[in-house]
Amino acid sequence: MHTAGVDSGELVGVSAFAQLSGLTVETLRHYHQVGLLVPAQVDGRTGYRAAG
């Protein structure tokens, strides 16, 4: 996995996490829905997911 430019502990959006992990955004959202891979933060107002 290529992680250049990502600091340990840094939160990234779902699109960046998808690119880093090789998964699709849709797959990450599905994993969140079923509780398999839960984001570090979810903005209650916008639904923006951040992983870290």
Protein backbone atom coordinates (compact mmCIF):
# COMPACT_ATOMS: atom_id res chain seq x y z
CA MET A 1 0.00 0.00 0.00
CA HIS A 2 1.41 3.39 -0.99
CA THR A 3 1.12 5.78 1.96
CA ALA A 4 3.48 8.61 1.00
CA GLY A 5 2.22 11.93 2.31
CA VAL A 6 -0.02 10.39 4.98
CA ASP A 7 1.15 10.88 8.56
CA SER A 8 0.46 8.26 11.19
CA GLY A 9 -2.73 9.23 12.99
CA GLU A 10 -3.83 11.65 10.27
CA LEU A 11 -7.52 11.41 9.35
CA VAL A 12 -8.36 11.17 5.66
CA GLY A 13 -11.66 11.26 3.81
CA VAL A 14 -13.33 8.14 2.47
CA SER A 15 -12.14 8.83 -1.09
CA ALA A 16 -8.50 9.09 -0.03
CA PHE A 17 -8.84 6.00 2.16
CA ALA A 18 -10.39 4.10 -0.74
CA GLN A 19 -7.49 5.06 -2.98
CA LEU A 20 -4.93 4.09 -0.33
CA SER A 21 -6.61 0.77 0.45
CA GLY A 22 -7.55 -0.28 -3.08
CA LEU A 23 -11.22 -0.58 -2.09
CA THR A 24 -14.05 1.38 -3.66
CA VAL A 25 -15.91 4.13 -1.82
CA GLU A 26 -19.07 2.06 -2.17
CA THR A 27 -17.39 -0.92 -0.52
CA LEU A 28 -16.17 1.23 2.38
CA ARG A 29 -19.68 2.65 2.87
CA HIS A 30 -21.13 -0.87 2.83
CA TYR A 31 -18.54 -2.06 5.37
CA HIS A 32 -19.56 0.87 7.59
CA GLN A 33 -23.26 -0.01 7.27
CA VAL A 34 -22.65 -3.63 8.34
CA GLY A 35 -20.17 -2.66 11.09
CA LEU A 36 -17.17 -4.36 9.48
CA LEU A 37 -15.00 -1.25 9.10
CA VAL A 38 -16.16 1.80 11.03
CA PRO A 39 -14.70 5.26 10.25
CA ALA A 40 -12.74 7.07 12.98
CA GLN A 41 -15.18 9.99 12.72
CA VAL A 42 -18.52 10.69 11.05
CA ASP A 43 -19.81 14.26 10.89
CA GLY A 44 -23.36 14.15 12.24
CA ARG A 45 -24.46 17.08 10.09
CA THR A 46 -22.90 16.17 6.74
CA GLY A 47 -22.28 12.44 7.05
CA TYR A 48 -18.64 13.01 6.04
CA ARG A 49 -16.61 9.94 6.98
CA ALA A 50 -12.96 10.17 8.03
CA ALA A 51 -10.62 7.24 8.56
CA GLY A 52 -7.32 7.24 10.32
